[in-house]
């Protein structure tokens, strides 16, 4: 995992997820964290449709950081295109 731009992002990235990904794009950082649908990692685990995935979007504007936390169910492979909501599915 790369460097964190702030302590809020580090804290909110979680530590118990099966997988995490941090994407930085200018003043916006997106942090994906997913709970795997099975205990063992078999070759097709990332494509299983039952991942519980959290997406944090950290937007920095001057000295203010806005953090949006949303959730979705789907495959880890499709995490960027899932439909996210504020409640855990």
PDB file of N, CA and C in Angstrom:
ATOM      1  N   UNK A   1       0.841  -1.161   0.000  1.00  0.00           N
ATOM      2  CA  UNK A   1       0.000   0.000   0.000  1.00  0.00           C
ATOM      3  C   UNK A   1       0.889   1.228   0.000  1.00  0.00           C
ATOM      4  N   UNK A   2       0.463   2.256  -0.715  1.00  0.00           N
ATOM      5  CA  UNK A   2       1.262   3.462  -0.839  1.00  0.00           C
ATOM      6  C   UNK A   2       1.178   4.355   0.375  1.00  0.00           C
ATOM      7  N   UNK A   3       1.790   5.518   0.265  1.00  0.00           N
ATOM      8  CA  UNK A   3       1.755   6.499   1.344  1.00  0.00           C
ATOM      9  C   UNK A   3       0.364   7.097   1.465  1.00  0.00           C
ATOM     10  N   UNK A   4      -0.007   7.442   2.681  1.00  0.00           N
ATOM     11  CA  UNK A   4      -1.292   8.078   2.916  1.00  0.00           C
ATOM     12  C   UNK A   4      -1.103   9.580   2.933  1.00  0.00           C
ATOM     13  N   UNK A   5      -2.074  10.315   2.392  1.00  0.00           N
ATOM     14  CA  UNK A   5      -1.933  11.766   2.323  1.00  0.00           C
ATOM     15  C   UNK A   5      -2.271  12.451   3.640  1.00  0.00           C
ATOM     16  N   UNK A   6      -2.949  11.738   4.552  1.00  0.00           N
ATOM     17  CA  UNK A   6      -3.318  12.324   5.826  1.00  0.00           C
ATOM     18  C   UNK A   6      -3.694  11.219   6.803  1.00  0.00           C
ATOM     19  N   UNK A   7      -3.814  11.578   8.083  1.00  0.00           N
ATOM     20  CA  UNK A   7      -4.134  10.578   9.095  1.00  0.00           C
ATOM     21  C   UNK A   7      -5.578  10.098   8.995  1.00  0.00           C
ATOM     22  N   UNK A   8      -6.496  10.948   8.515  1.00  0.00           N
ATOM     23  CA  UNK A   8      -7.882  10.520   8.340  1.00  0.00           C
ATOM     24  C   UNK A   8      -7.954   9.368   7.351  1.00  0.00           C
ATOM     25  N   UNK A   9      -7.230   9.491   6.257  1.00  0.00           N
ATOM     26  CA  UNK A   9      -7.218   8.428   5.255  1.00  0.00           C
ATOM     27  C   UNK A   9      -6.613   7.148   5.819  1.00  0.00           C
ATOM     28  N   UNK A  10      -5.512   7.271   6.554  1.00  0.00           N
ATOM     29  CA  UNK A  10      -4.874   6.102   7.151  1.00  0.00           C
ATOM     30  C   UNK A  10      -5.826   5.406   8.113  1.00  0.00           C
ATOM     31  N   UNK A  11      -6.484   6.172   8.980  1.00  0.00           N
ATOM     32  CA  UNK A  11      -7.408   5.605   9.948  1.00  0.00           C
ATOM     33  C   UNK A  11      -8.583   4.924   9.265  1.00  0.00           C
ATOM     34  N   UNK A  12      -9.132   5.556   8.252  1.00  0.00           N
ATOM     35  CA  UNK A  12     -10.325   5.049   7.593  1.00  0.00           C
ATOM     36  C   UNK A  12     -10.060   3.949   6.580  1.00  0.00           C
ATOM     37  N   UNK A  13      -8.802   3.650   6.315  1.00  0.00           N
ATOM     38  CA  UNK A  13      -8.516   2.602   5.339  1.00  0.00           C
ATOM     39  C   UNK A  13      -8.810   1.220   5.904  1.00  0.00           C
ATOM     40  N   UNK A  14      -8.901   1.111   7.223  1.00  0.00           N
ATOM     41  CA  UNK A  14      -9.226  -0.178   7.834  1.00  0.00           C
ATOM     42  C   UNK A  14      -7.992  -1.037   7.996  1.00  0.00           C
ATOM     43  N   UNK A  15      -8.150  -2.170   8.602  1.00  0.00           N
ATOM     44  CA  UNK A  15      -7.018  -3.053   8.806  1.00  0.00           C
ATOM     45  C   UNK A  15      -7.426  -4.502   8.738  1.00  0.00           C
ATOM     46  N   UNK A  16      -8.718  -4.755   8.738  1.00  0.00           N
ATOM     47  CA  UNK A  16      -9.175  -6.144   8.770  1.00  0.00           C
ATOM     48  C   UNK A  16      -9.719  -6.620   7.430  1.00  0.00           C
ATOM     49  N   UNK A  17      -9.626  -5.798   6.408  1.00  0.00           N
ATOM     50  CA  UNK A  17     -10.141  -6.192   5.103  1.00  0.00           C
ATOM     51  C   UNK A  17      -9.281  -7.294   4.487  1.00  0.00           C
ATOM     52  N   UNK A  18      -9.906  -8.098   3.635  1.00  0.00           N
ATOM     53  CA  UNK A  18      -9.168  -9.125   2.902  1.00  0.00           C
ATOM     54  C   UNK A  18      -8.270  -8.484   1.853  1.00  0.00           C
ATOM     55  N   UNK A  19      -8.765  -7.422   1.227  1.00  0.00           N
ATOM     56  CA  UNK A  19      -7.998  -6.679   0.222  1.00  0.00           C
ATOM     57  C   UNK A  19      -8.287  -5.200   0.363  1.00  0.00           C
ATOM     58  N   UNK A  20      -7.295  -4.388   0.001  1.00  0.00           N
ATOM     59  CA  UNK A  20      -7.469  -2.940  -0.024  1.00  0.00           C
ATOM     60  C   UNK A  20      -6.759  -2.372  -1.245  1.00  0.00           C
ATOM     61  N   UNK A  21      -7.266  -1.250  -1.705  1.00  0.00           N
ATOM     62  CA  UNK A  21      -6.635  -0.537  -2.808  1.00  0.00           C
ATOM     63  C   UNK A  21      -6.798   0.954  -2.561  1.00  0.00           C
ATOM     64  N   UNK A  22      -5.724   1.715  -2.771  1.00  0.00           N
ATOM     65  CA  UNK A  22      -5.746   3.159  -2.601  1.00  0.00           C
ATOM     66  C   UNK A  22      -5.412   3.787  -3.944  1.00  0.00           C
ATOM     67  N   UNK A  23      -6.290   4.682  -4.422  1.00  0.00           N
ATOM     68  CA  UNK A  23      -6.091   5.357  -5.699  1.00  0.00           C
ATOM     69  C   UNK A  23      -6.058   6.857  -5.443  1.00  0.00           C
ATOM     70  N   UNK A  24      -4.961   7.510  -5.790  1.00  0.00           N
ATOM     71  CA  UNK A  24      -4.830   8.946  -5.630  1.00  0.00           C
ATOM     72  C   UNK A  24      -4.980   9.612  -6.989  1.00  0.00           C
ATOM     73  N   UNK A  25      -5.814  10.658  -7.015  1.00  0.00           N
ATOM     74  CA  UNK A  25      -6.022  11.405  -8.243  1.00  0.00           C
ATOM     75  C   UNK A  25      -6.171  12.877  -7.870  1.00  0.00           C
ATOM     76  N   UNK A  26      -5.086  13.611  -7.911  1.00  0.00           N
ATOM     77  CA  UNK A  26      -5.115  15.016  -7.520  1.00  0.00           C
ATOM     78  C   UNK A  26      -5.448  15.163  -6.046  1.00  0.00           C
ATOM     79  N   UNK A  27      -6.530  15.899  -5.740  1.00  0.00           N
ATOM     80  CA  UNK A  27      -6.930  16.119  -4.347  1.00  0.00           C
ATOM     81  C   UNK A  27      -7.951  15.097  -3.866  1.00  0.00           C
ATOM     82  N   UNK A  28      -8.215  14.077  -4.681  1.00  0.00           N
ATOM     83  CA  UNK A  28      -9.172  13.037  -4.310  1.00  0.00           C
ATOM     84  C   UNK A  28      -8.456  11.696  -4.179  1.00  0.00           C
ATOM     85  N   UNK A  29      -8.721  11.026  -3.071  1.00  0.00           N
ATOM     86  CA  UNK A  29      -8.179   9.683  -2.844  1.00  0.00           C
ATOM     87  C   UNK A  29      -9.348   8.742  -2.622  1.00  0.00           C
ATOM     88  N   UNK A  30      -9.356   7.634  -3.344  1.00  0.00           N
ATOM     89  CA  UNK A  30     -10.384   6.611  -3.179  1.00  0.00           C
ATOM     90  C   UNK A  30      -9.749   5.388  -2.549  1.00  0.00           C
ATOM     91  N   UNK A  31     -10.366   4.914  -1.462  1.00  0.00           N
ATOM     92  CA  UNK A  31      -9.854   3.749  -0.749  1.00  0.00           C
ATOM     93  C   UNK A  31     -10.919   2.662  -0.795  1.00  0.00           C
ATOM     94  N   UNK A  32     -10.608   1.542  -1.441  1.00  0.00           N
ATOM     95  CA  UNK A  32     -11.494   0.382  -1.468  1.00  0.00           C
ATOM     96  C   UNK A  32     -11.005  -0.633  -0.448  1.00  0.00           C
ATOM     97  N   UNK A  33     -11.924  -1.206   0.309  1.00  0.00           N
ATOM     98  CA  UNK A  33     -11.606  -2.287   1.237  1.00  0.00           C
ATOM     99  C   UNK A  33     -12.680  -3.344   1.108  1.00  0.00           C
ATOM    100  N   UNK A  34     -12.274  -4.602   0.976  1.00  0.00           N
ATOM    101  CA  UNK A  34     -13.254  -5.649   0.764  1.00  0.00           C
ATOM    102  C   UNK A  34     -13.094  -6.837   1.678  1.00  0.00           C
ATOM    103  N   UNK A  35     -14.233  -7.400   2.089  1.00  0.00           N
ATOM    104  CA  UNK A  35     -14.270  -8.644   2.853  1.00  0.00           C
ATOM    105  C   UNK A  35     -14.563  -9.772   1.870  1.00  0.00           C
ATOM    106  N   UNK A  36     -13.676 -10.737   1.795  1.00  0.00           N
ATOM    107  CA  UNK A  36     -13.808 -11.846   0.852  1.00  0.00           C
ATOM    108  C   UNK A  36     -14.995 -12.730   1.205  1.00  0.00           C
ATOM    109  N   UNK A  37     -15.602 -13.361   0.191  1.00  0.00           N
ATOM    110  CA  UNK A  37     -16.767 -14.215   0.426  1.00  0.00           C
ATOM    111  C   UNK A  37     -16.411 -15.612   0.897  1.00  0.00           C
ATOM    112  N   UNK A  38     -15.135 -15.936   0.951  1.00  0.00           N
ATOM    113  CA  UNK A  38     -14.719 -17.268   1.416  1.00  0.00           C
ATOM    114  C   UNK A  38     -13.403 -17.155   2.171  1.00  0.00           C
ATOM    115  N   UNK A  39     -13.138 -18.122   3.003  1.00  0.00           N
ATOM    116  CA  UNK A  39     -11.955 -18.078   3.870  1.00  0.00           C
ATOM    117  C   UNK A  39     -10.655 -18.346   3.122  1.00  0.00           C
ATOM    118  N   UNK A  40     -10.703 -19.157   2.093  1.00  0.00           N
ATOM    119  CA  UNK A  40      -9.489 -19.498   1.363  1.00  0.00           C
ATOM    120  C   UNK A  40      -9.413 -18.707   0.055  1.00  0.00           C
ATOM    121  N   UNK A  41      -8.197 -18.410  -0.362  1.00  0.00           N
ATOM    122  CA  UNK A  41      -8.003 -17.676  -1.620  1.00  0.00           C
ATOM    123  C   UNK A  41      -7.781 -18.684  -2.737  1.00  0.00           C
ATOM    124  N   UNK A  42      -8.803 -18.913  -3.511  1.00  0.00           N
ATOM    125  CA  UNK A  42      -8.694 -19.795  -4.675  1.00  0.00           C
ATOM    126  C   UNK A  42      -8.605 -18.897  -5.909  1.00  0.00           C
ATOM    127  N   UNK A  43      -8.209 -19.443  -7.052  1.00  0.00           N
ATOM    128  CA  UNK A  43      -7.965 -18.591  -8.217  1.00  0.00           C
ATOM    129  C   UNK A  43      -9.101 -17.638  -8.611  1.00  0.00           C
ATOM    130  N   UNK A  44     -10.346 -18.004  -8.399  1.00  0.00           N
ATOM    131  CA  UNK A  44     -11.444 -17.136  -8.840  1.00  0.00           C
ATOM    132  C   UNK A  44     -12.069 -16.292  -7.724  1.00  0.00           C
ATOM    133  N   UNK A  45     -11.422 -16.180  -6.580  1.00  0.00           N
ATOM    134  CA  UNK A  45     -11.989 -15.445  -5.449  1.00  0.00           C
ATOM    135  C   UNK A  45     -12.342 -14.005  -5.816  1.00  0.00           C
ATOM    136  N   UNK A  46     -11.487 -13.310  -6.560  1.00  0.00           N
ATOM    137  CA  UNK A  46     -11.758 -11.911  -6.914  1.00  0.00           C
ATOM    138  C   UNK A  46     -13.011 -11.756  -7.764  1.00  0.00           C
ATOM    139  N   UNK A  47     -13.415 -12.802  -8.464  1.00  0.00           N
ATOM    140  CA  UNK A  47     -14.596 -12.733  -9.330  1.00  0.00           C
ATOM    141  C   UNK A  47     -15.881 -13.174  -8.645  1.00  0.00           C
ATOM    142  N   UNK A  48     -15.794 -13.668  -7.422  1.00  0.00           N
ATOM    143  CA  UNK A  48     -17.002 -14.074  -6.693  1.00  0.00           C
ATOM    144  C   UNK A  48     -17.892 -12.851  -6.463  1.00  0.00           C
ATOM    145  N   UNK A  49     -19.215 -12.999  -6.616  1.00  0.00           N
ATOM    146  CA  UNK A  49     -20.115 -11.844  -6.523  1.00  0.00           C
ATOM    147  C   UNK A  49     -20.497 -11.443  -5.108  1.00  0.00           C
ATOM    148  N   UNK A  50     -19.977 -12.105  -4.082  1.00  0.00           N
ATOM    149  CA  UNK A  50     -20.444 -11.866  -2.719  1.00  0.00           C
ATOM    150  C   UNK A  50     -19.482 -11.077  -1.841  1.00  0.00           C
ATOM    151  N   UNK A  51     -18.564 -10.342  -2.415  1.00  0.00           N
ATOM    152  CA  UNK A  51     -17.698  -9.486  -1.616  1.00  0.00           C
ATOM    153  C   UNK A  51     -18.534  -8.369  -0.986  1.00  0.00           C
ATOM    154  N   UNK A  52     -18.179  -7.971   0.235  1.00  0.00           N
ATOM    155  CA  UNK A  52     -18.734  -6.773   0.859  1.00  0.00           C
ATOM    156  C   UNK A  52     -17.629  -5.727   0.743  1.00  0.00           C
ATOM    157  N   UNK A  53     -17.883  -4.656   0.000  1.00  0.00           N
ATOM    158  CA  UNK A  53     -16.841  -3.692  -0.343  1.00  0.00           C
ATOM    159  C   UNK A  53     -17.215  -2.306   0.169  1.00  0.00           C
ATOM    160  N   UNK A  54     -16.249  -1.690   0.847  1.00  0.00           N
ATOM    161  CA  UNK A  54     -16.416  -0.315   1.307  1.00  0.00           C
ATOM    162  C   UNK A  54     -15.592   0.597   0.404  1.00  0.00           C
ATOM    163  N   UNK A  55     -16.178   1.710  -0.002  1.00  0.00           N
ATOM    164  CA  UNK A  55     -15.453   2.709  -0.793  1.00  0.00           C
ATOM    165  C   UNK A  55     -15.444   4.021  -0.010  1.00  0.00           C
ATOM    166  N   UNK A  56     -14.249   4.495   0.308  1.00  0.00           N
ATOM    167  CA  UNK A  56     -14.076   5.791   0.946  1.00  0.00           C
ATOM    168  C   UNK A  56     -13.530   6.751  -0.099  1.00  0.00           C
ATOM    169  N   UNK A  57     -14.155   7.901  -0.216  1.00  0.00           N
ATOM    170  CA  UNK A  57     -13.646   8.926  -1.111  1.00  0.00           C
ATOM    171  C   UNK A  57     -13.255  10.117  -0.238  1.00  0.00           C
ATOM    172  N   UNK A  58     -11.960  10.410  -0.197  1.00  0.00           N
ATOM    173  CA  UNK A  58     -11.423  11.512   0.589  1.00  0.00           C
ATOM    174  C   UNK A  58     -11.112  12.655  -0.372  1.00  0.00           C
ATOM    175  N   UNK A  59     -11.790  13.791  -0.172  1.00  0.00           N
ATOM    176  CA  UNK A  59     -11.573  14.965  -1.013  1.00  0.00           C
ATOM    177  C   UNK A  59     -11.015  16.072  -0.140  1.00  0.00           C
ATOM    178  N   UNK A  60      -9.900  16.628  -0.574  1.00  0.00           N
ATOM    179  CA  UNK A  60      -9.254  17.678   0.193  1.00  0.00           C
ATOM    180  C   UNK A  60      -9.477  19.022  -0.480  1.00  0.00           C
ATOM    181  N   UNK A  61      -9.923  20.003   0.312  1.00  0.00           N
ATOM    182  CA  UNK A  61     -10.147  21.353  -0.183  1.00  0.00           C
ATOM    183  C   UNK A  61      -9.561  22.318   0.833  1.00  0.00           C
ATOM    184  N   UNK A  62      -8.349  22.771   0.580  1.00  0.00           N
ATOM    185  CA  UNK A  62      -7.665  23.631   1.551  1.00  0.00           C
ATOM    186  C   UNK A  62      -7.359  22.842   2.807  1.00  0.00           C
ATOM    187  N   UNK A  63      -7.855  23.309   3.940  1.00  0.00           N
ATOM    188  CA  UNK A  63      -7.614  22.610   5.205  1.00  0.00           C
ATOM    189  C   UNK A  63      -8.760  21.673   5.586  1.00  0.00           C
ATOM    190  N   UNK A  64      -9.726  21.497   4.680  1.00  0.00           N
ATOM    191  CA  UNK A  64     -10.890  20.652   4.951  1.00  0.00           C
ATOM    192  C   UNK A  64     -10.780  19.344   4.182  1.00  0.00           C
ATOM    193  N   UNK A  65     -11.053  18.260   4.879  1.00  0.00           N
ATOM    194  CA  UNK A  65     -11.102  16.943   4.246  1.00  0.00           C
ATOM    195  C   UNK A  65     -12.524  16.410   4.371  1.00  0.00           C
ATOM    196  N   UNK A  66     -13.151  16.106   3.246  1.00  0.00           N
ATOM    197  CA  UNK A  66     -14.466  15.480   3.248  1.00  0.00           C
ATOM    198  C   UNK A  66     -14.279  14.004   2.970  1.00  0.00           C
ATOM    199  N   UNK A  67     -14.934  13.163   3.772  1.00  0.00           N
ATOM    200  CA  UNK A  67     -14.817  11.715   3.626  1.00  0.00           C
ATOM    201  C   UNK A  67     -16.205  11.139   3.436  1.00  0.00           C
ATOM    202  N   UNK A  68     -16.405  10.456   2.317  1.00  0.00           N
ATOM    203  CA  UNK A  68     -17.679   9.800   2.020  1.00  0.00           C
ATOM    204  C   UNK A  68     -17.468   8.293   2.088  1.00  0.00           C
ATOM    205  N   UNK A  69     -18.282   7.622   2.886  1.00  0.00           N
ATOM    206  CA  UNK A  69     -18.176   6.177   3.079  1.00  0.00           C
ATOM    207  C   UNK A  69     -19.422   5.501   2.525  1.00  0.00           C
ATOM    208  N   UNK A  70     -19.235   4.629   1.536  1.00  0.00           N
ATOM    209  CA  UNK A  70     -20.352   3.904   0.935  1.00  0.00           C
ATOM    210  C   UNK A  70     -20.004   2.425   0.811  1.00  0.00           C
ATOM    211  N   UNK A  71     -21.029   1.588   0.614  1.00  0.00           N
ATOM    212  CA  UNK A  71     -20.882   0.135   0.603  1.00  0.00           C
ATOM    213  C   UNK A  71     -21.569  -0.481  -0.609  1.00  0.00           C
ATOM    214  N   UNK A  72     -21.069  -1.644  -1.013  1.00  0.00           N
ATOM    215  CA  UNK A  72     -21.696  -2.395  -2.107  1.00  0.00           C
ATOM    216  C   UNK A  72     -21.381  -3.872  -1.942  1.00  0.00           C
ATOM    217  N   UNK A  73     -22.160  -4.709  -2.616  1.00  0.00           N
ATOM    218  CA  UNK A  73     -21.857  -6.134  -2.753  1.00  0.00           C
ATOM    219  C   UNK A  73     -21.591  -6.402  -4.219  1.00  0.00           C
ATOM    220  N   UNK A  74     -20.590  -7.218  -4.462  1.00  0.00           N
ATOM    221  CA  UNK A  74     -20.234  -7.570  -5.832  1.00  0.00           C
ATOM    222  C   UNK A  74     -18.847  -8.169  -5.858  1.00  0.00           C
ATOM    223  N   UNK A  75     -18.312  -8.337  -7.033  1.00  0.00           N
ATOM    224  CA  UNK A  75     -16.980  -8.929  -7.137  1.00  0.00           C
ATOM    225  C   UNK A  75     -15.910  -7.859  -6.916  1.00  0.00           C
ATOM    226  N   UNK A  76     -14.789  -8.292  -6.366  1.00  0.00           N
ATOM    227  CA  UNK A  76     -13.659  -7.385  -6.176  1.00  0.00           C
ATOM    228  C   UNK A  76     -13.194  -6.859  -7.532  1.00  0.00           C
ATOM    229  N   UNK A  77     -13.265  -7.693  -8.548  1.00  0.00           N
ATOM    230  CA  UNK A  77     -12.851  -7.310  -9.892  1.00  0.00           C
ATOM    231  C   UNK A  77     -13.651  -6.112 -10.408  1.00  0.00           C
ATOM    232  N   UNK A  78     -14.935  -6.030 -10.049  1.00  0.00           N
ATOM    233  CA  UNK A  78     -15.815  -4.965 -10.544  1.00  0.00           C
ATOM    234  C   UNK A  78     -16.026  -3.829  -9.549  1.00  0.00           C
ATOM    235  N   UNK A  79     -15.176  -3.713  -8.543  1.00  0.00           N
ATOM    236  CA  UNK A  79     -15.391  -2.756  -7.449  1.00  0.00           C
ATOM    237  C   UNK A  79     -15.560  -1.307  -7.934  1.00  0.00           C
ATOM    238  N   UNK A  80     -14.895  -0.914  -8.993  1.00  0.00           N
ATOM    239  CA  UNK A  80     -14.974   0.478  -9.455  1.00  0.00           C
ATOM    240  C   UNK A  80     -16.307   0.804 -10.130  1.00  0.00           C
ATOM    241  N   UNK A  81     -17.050  -0.215 -10.575  1.00  0.00           N
ATOM    242  CA  UNK A  81     -18.293   0.030 -11.310  1.00  0.00           C
ATOM    243  C   UNK A  81     -19.546  -0.418 -10.566  1.00  0.00           C
ATOM    244  N   UNK A  82     -19.413  -0.840  -9.315  1.00  0.00           N
ATOM    245  CA  UNK A  82     -20.571  -1.272  -8.534  1.00  0.00           C
ATOM    246  C   UNK A  82     -21.429  -0.070  -8.140  1.00  0.00           C
ATOM    247  N   UNK A  83     -22.677  -0.340  -7.771  1.00  0.00           N
ATOM    248  CA  UNK A  83     -23.582   0.693  -7.261  1.00  0.00           C
ATOM    249  C   UNK A  83     -23.427   0.755  -5.749  1.00  0.00           C
ATOM    250  N   UNK A  84     -22.904   1.851  -5.242  1.00  0.00           N
ATOM    251  CA  UNK A  84     -22.631   2.014  -3.816  1.00  0.00           C
ATOM    252  C   UNK A  84     -23.750   2.806  -3.133  1.00  0.00           C
ATOM    253  N   UNK A  85     -23.998   2.466  -1.842  1.00  0.00           N
ATOM    254  CA  UNK A  85     -24.977   3.191  -1.057  1.00  0.00           C
ATOM    255  C   UNK A  85     -24.403   3.422   0.336  1.00  0.00           C
ATOM    256  N   UNK A  86     -25.075   4.281   1.123  1.00  0.00           N
ATOM    257  CA  UNK A  86     -24.572   4.615   2.448  1.00  0.00           C
ATOM    258  C   UNK A  86     -24.816   3.528   3.480  1.00  0.00           C
ATOM    259  N   UNK A  87     -25.708   2.600   3.204  1.00  0.00           N
ATOM    260  CA  UNK A  87     -26.001   1.506   4.136  1.00  0.00           C
ATOM    261  C   UNK A  87     -25.310   0.233   3.664  1.00  0.00           C
ATOM    262  N   UNK A  88     -24.886  -0.594   4.606  1.00  0.00           N
ATOM    263  CA  UNK A  88     -24.306  -1.877   4.240  1.00  0.00           C
ATOM    264  C   UNK A  88     -25.396  -2.754   3.597  1.00  0.00           C
ATOM    265  N   UNK A  89     -25.085  -3.349   2.442  1.00  0.00           N
ATOM    266  CA  UNK A  89     -26.101  -4.211   1.793  1.00  0.00           C
ATOM    267  C   UNK A  89     -26.229  -5.552   2.496  1.00  0.00           C
TER     268      UNK A  89
END
